[in-house]
Protein backbone atom coordinates (compact mmCIF):
# COMPACT_ATOMS: atom_id res chain seq x y z
CA UNK A 1 -0.07 -0.05 0.08
CA UNK A 2 1.32 3.47 -0.86
CA UNK A 3 0.64 5.27 2.51
CA UNK A 4 1.85 8.60 1.11
CA UNK A 5 -0.69 8.60 -1.66
CA UNK A 6 -3.46 7.56 0.78
CA UNK A 7 -2.55 10.39 2.99
CA UNK A 8 -2.45 12.83 0.08
CA UNK A 9 -5.92 11.67 -1.06
CA UNK A 10 -7.13 12.15 2.60
CA UNK A 11 -5.92 15.71 2.63
CA UNK A 12 -6.99 16.65 -0.71
CA UNK A 13 -10.55 15.56 -0.10
CA UNK A 14 -10.59 17.51 3.19
CA UNK A 15 -9.36 20.70 1.55
CA UNK A 16 -12.03 21.00 -1.20
CA UNK A 17 -15.04 19.93 0.90
CA UNK A 18 -17.40 22.04 2.86
CA UNK A 19 -16.30 21.88 6.67
CA UNK A 20 -18.18 18.98 8.19
CA UNK A 21 -20.94 19.78 10.59
CA UNK A 22 -20.38 18.90 14.11
CA UNK A 23 -17.16 18.12 15.97
CA UNK A 24 -13.95 18.40 13.85
CA UNK A 25 -10.24 18.67 14.81
CA UNK A 26 -7.50 20.86 13.41
CA UNK A 27 -4.80 18.88 11.85
CA UNK A 28 -1.24 20.00 10.57
CA UNK A 29 -0.66 18.60 7.22
CA UNK A 30 2.98 18.49 7.90
CA UNK A 31 3.47 17.63 11.67
CA UNK A 32 5.30 20.30 13.65
CA UNK A 33 7.68 17.66 14.76
CA UNK A 34 8.84 17.63 11.14
CA UNK A 35 9.03 21.31 10.71
CA UNK A 36 5.35 22.16 9.98
CA UNK A 37 4.04 25.68 10.91
CA UNK A 38 0.65 26.86 12.18
CA UNK A 39 -0.05 28.71 8.98
CA UNK A 40 -3.46 28.27 7.50
CA UNK A 41 -1.96 26.58 4.54
CA UNK A 42 -0.72 23.73 6.71
CA UNK A 43 -3.89 23.34 8.60
CA UNK A 44 -7.03 21.42 7.63
CA UNK A 45 -10.26 20.38 9.44
CA UNK A 46 -10.86 16.62 9.94
CA UNK A 47 -13.30 14.56 11.65
CA UNK A 48 -12.16 12.77 14.83
CA UNK A 49 -11.77 9.43 12.88
CA UNK A 50 -10.12 11.02 9.81
CA UNK A 51 -7.55 12.75 12.11
CA UNK A 52 -6.66 9.35 13.73
CA UNK A 53 -6.34 7.66 10.27
CA UNK A 54 -4.20 10.57 9.19
CA UNK A 55 -1.75 10.17 12.02
CA UNK A 56 -1.54 6.35 11.46
CA UNK A 57 -0.76 7.05 7.86
CA UNK A 58 1.81 9.75 8.92
CA UNK A 59 3.43 7.25 11.29
CA UNK A 60 3.63 4.53 8.73
CA UNK A 61 5.25 7.10 6.33
CA UNK A 62 7.81 8.81 8.51
CA UNK A 63 8.02 6.34 11.55
CA UNK A 64 10.13 7.45 14.53
CA UNK A 65 8.38 9.76 16.92
CA UNK A 66 5.41 10.05 14.73
CA UNK A 67 4.13 6.78 16.36
CA UNK A 68 4.14 8.68 19.66
CA UNK A 69 1.23 10.72 18.29
CA UNK A 70 -0.68 7.67 17.64
CA UNK A 71 -0.22 6.53 21.33
CA UNK A 72 -1.44 9.78 22.53
CA UNK A 73 -4.48 9.58 20.34
CA UNK A 74 -5.15 6.12 21.53
CA UNK A 75 -6.20 7.38 24.92
CA UNK A 76 -9.46 8.54 23.15
CA UNK A 77 -11.90 6.62 21.16
CA UNK A 78 -10.22 6.25 17.90
CA UNK A 79 -7.82 3.23 18.31
CA UNK A 80 -8.34 -0.40 17.92
CA UNK A 81 -6.21 -2.87 19.72
CA UNK A 82 -4.21 -3.83 16.69
CA UNK A 83 -3.12 -0.42 15.88
CA UNK A 84 -2.44 0.31 19.46
CA UNK A 85 -0.16 -2.77 19.54
CA UNK A 86 1.76 -1.50 16.48
CA UNK A 87 2.10 2.06 17.61
CA UNK A 88 3.11 0.96 21.20
CA UNK A 89 5.94 -1.43 19.79
CA UNK A 90 7.15 1.21 17.32
CA UNK A 91 7.15 3.99 19.81
CA UNK A 92 9.00 1.73 22.37
CA UNK A 93 11.69 0.82 19.70
CA UNK A 94 12.22 4.38 18.80
CA UNK A 95 12.43 5.50 22.45
CA UNK A 96 14.94 2.78 23.11
CA UNK A 97 17.04 3.74 20.10
CA UNK A 98 17.17 7.38 21.15
CA UNK A 99 18.22 6.44 24.75
CA UNK A 100 21.15 4.51 23.19
CA UNK A 101 22.16 7.27 21.08
CA UNK A 102 22.06 9.66 23.97
CA UNK A 103 24.22 7.29 26.12
CA UNK A 104 26.76 7.14 23.42
CA UNK A 105 26.90 11.00 23.19
CA UNK A 106 26.47 11.99 26.92
CA UNK A 107 28.58 10.15 29.39
CA UNK A 108 26.78 11.57 32.45
CA UNK A 109 23.53 10.32 30.97
CA UNK A 110 25.10 6.81 30.43
CA UNK A 111 26.30 6.68 33.94
CA UNK A 112 22.69 7.54 35.18
CA UNK A 113 20.99 4.83 33.08
CA UNK A 114 23.59 2.34 34.13
CA UNK A 115 22.76 3.11 37.69
CA UNK A 116 18.92 2.86 37.12
CA UNK A 117 19.20 -0.51 35.31
CA UNK A 118 21.68 -1.95 37.76
CA UNK A 119 19.22 -1.09 40.81
CA UNK A 120 16.36 -2.71 38.88
CA UNK A 121 18.35 -5.86 38.42
CA UNK A 122 19.52 -5.83 41.93
CA UNK A 123 15.83 -5.59 43.13
CA UNK A 124 14.91 -8.60 40.93
CA UNK A 125 17.87 -10.76 42.25
CA UNK A 126 17.00 -9.93 45.94
CA UNK A 127 13.50 -11.05 45.44
CA UNK A 128 11.79 -7.68 45.92
CA UNK A 129 8.84 -8.74 43.67
CA UNK A 130 8.48 -12.13 45.32
CA UNK A 131 8.47 -10.46 48.73
CA UNK A 132 5.81 -8.11 47.74
CA UNK A 133 3.70 -10.92 46.32
CA UNK A 134 4.05 -12.97 49.57
CA UNK A 135 2.83 -9.72 51.57
CA UNK A 136 -0.07 -9.45 49.32
CA UNK A 137 -1.21 -13.18 49.69
CA UNK A 138 -0.93 -13.04 53.49
CA UNK A 139 -3.16 -9.86 53.76
CA UNK A 140 -5.53 -11.16 51.21
CA UNK A 141 -6.08 -14.40 53.43
CA UNK A 142 -6.14 -12.43 56.73
CA UNK A 143 -8.04 -9.20 55.89
CA UNK A 144 -11.54 -9.94 54.85
CA UNK A 145 -12.45 -6.41 53.85
CA UNK A 146 -9.28 -6.06 51.73
CA UNK A 147 -9.95 -9.45 50.01
CA UNK A 148 -13.48 -8.35 49.26
CA UNK A 149 -12.32 -5.08 47.76
CA UNK A 150 -9.63 -6.68 45.63
CA UNK A 151 -12.24 -9.45 44.37
CA UNK A 152 -14.70 -6.71 43.35
CA UNK A 153 -11.82 -4.76 41.52
CA UNK A 154 -11.05 -7.95 39.65
CA UNK A 155 -14.60 -8.42 38.60
CA UNK A 156 -14.60 -4.81 37.42
CA UNK A 157 -11.43 -5.36 35.42
CA UNK A 158 -12.77 -8.65 33.83
CA UNK A 159 -16.04 -6.81 32.85
CA UNK A 160 -14.08 -3.79 31.42
CA UNK A 161 -11.68 -6.19 29.38
CA UNK A 162 -14.75 -7.95 27.96
CA UNK A 163 -16.25 -4.56 26.94
CA UNK A 164 -12.92 -3.59 25.38
CA UNK A 165 -12.79 -6.86 23.36
CA UNK A 166 -16.34 -6.14 22.14
CA UNK A 167 -15.67 -2.52 21.23
CA UNK A 168 -12.60 -3.85 19.38
CA UNK A 169 -14.67 -5.51 16.79
CA UNK A 170 -16.54 -2.28 16.32
CA UNK A 171 -13.32 -0.32 15.93
CA UNK A 172 -12.11 -2.96 13.45
CA UNK A 173 -15.24 -2.40 11.28
CA UNK A 174 -14.95 1.35 11.64
CA UNK A 175 -11.27 1.31 10.51
CA UNK A 176 -11.92 -0.75 7.44
CA UNK A 177 -14.89 1.51 6.57
CA UNK A 178 -12.63 4.65 7.05
CA UNK A 179 -9.96 3.29 4.63
CA UNK A 180 -12.52 2.21 2.18
CA UNK A 181 -13.93 5.74 2.12
CA UNK A 182 -10.38 7.03 1.27
CA UNK A 183 -10.63 4.80 -1.95
CA UNK A 184 -8.47 1.97 -0.92
CA UNK A 185 -9.03 -1.45 -2.59
CA UNK A 186 -9.52 -4.58 -0.61
CA UNK A 187 -5.86 -5.68 -0.93
CA UNK A 188 -4.57 -2.24 0.20
CA UNK A 189 -6.84 -2.43 3.19
CA UNK A 190 -5.49 -5.77 3.93
CA UNK A 191 -1.97 -4.64 3.84
CA UNK A 192 -2.77 -1.58 5.98
CA UNK A 193 -4.66 -3.45 8.63
CA UNK A 194 -3.54 -7.17 8.53
CA UNK A 195 -7.13 -8.34 8.35
CA UNK A 196 -8.08 -11.22 5.91
CA UNK A 197 -9.76 -10.39 2.61
CA UNK A 198 -12.80 -12.56 3.91
CA UNK A 199 -12.93 -10.38 6.98
CA UNK A 200 -12.80 -7.21 5.14
CA UNK A 201 -15.58 -8.38 2.69
CA UNK A 202 -17.72 -9.33 5.49
CA UNK A 203 -17.42 -5.95 7.07
CA UNK A 204 -18.08 -3.96 3.98
CA UNK A 205 -20.96 -6.12 2.81
CA UNK A 206 -22.73 -6.96 6.02
CA UNK A 207 -26.12 -5.23 6.11
CA UNK A 208 -26.27 -5.41 9.82
CA UNK A 209 -23.29 -2.90 10.20
CA UNK A 210 -24.69 0.60 9.91
CA UNK A 211 -23.33 2.46 6.93
CA UNK A 212 -21.45 -0.33 5.45
CA UNK A 213 -23.70 -0.86 2.44
CA UNK A 214 -23.49 2.72 1.47
CA UNK A 215 -19.66 2.94 1.87
CA UNK A 216 -19.11 -0.33 -0.10
CA UNK A 217 -20.98 0.96 -3.09
CA UNK A 218 -19.63 4.64 -2.92
């Protein structure tokens, strides 16, 4: 998939249309982190979903710190689990790479990082985590009020996890529809998302999914 072309299509479409009704977000066509300015020529109004798709495409084009923007946006309602995993992995890799480069160029920072990581290793060797786990187990058994509170929190966490998994299927469908709106073909969507062609076809042709039929024949 040509991510740059897909991004250009998205921006070109947003520039020539009438500003959408309702909620929109201001988007820097060339990110400020890459030298973009706040001039009107570098700004465009996007819907929330378009804004997220735009930053995913930018991250796939430029990589590096651009994945951090996807991480920040994932705190909202735009991210599905697959994209979050990709963004988190890429952001972590780039952060570790920048730390290595700084350690090479800055001896004082290298000494600081050596101490931090040595202390972390020492804590593991001395059984700090195991000791904390044993203390938790003893309190859980001996303190009924504490045990009840922990149990309730676990139930809430399980319910939240289930809701997230259910929402993930909706986010997956929304992402496929968004890419289809941008004019991408099935195989291009497959490369961008990693979903099977059968899954993409099901999403775009299932009448039970609101708006899919209209988008599939747009």
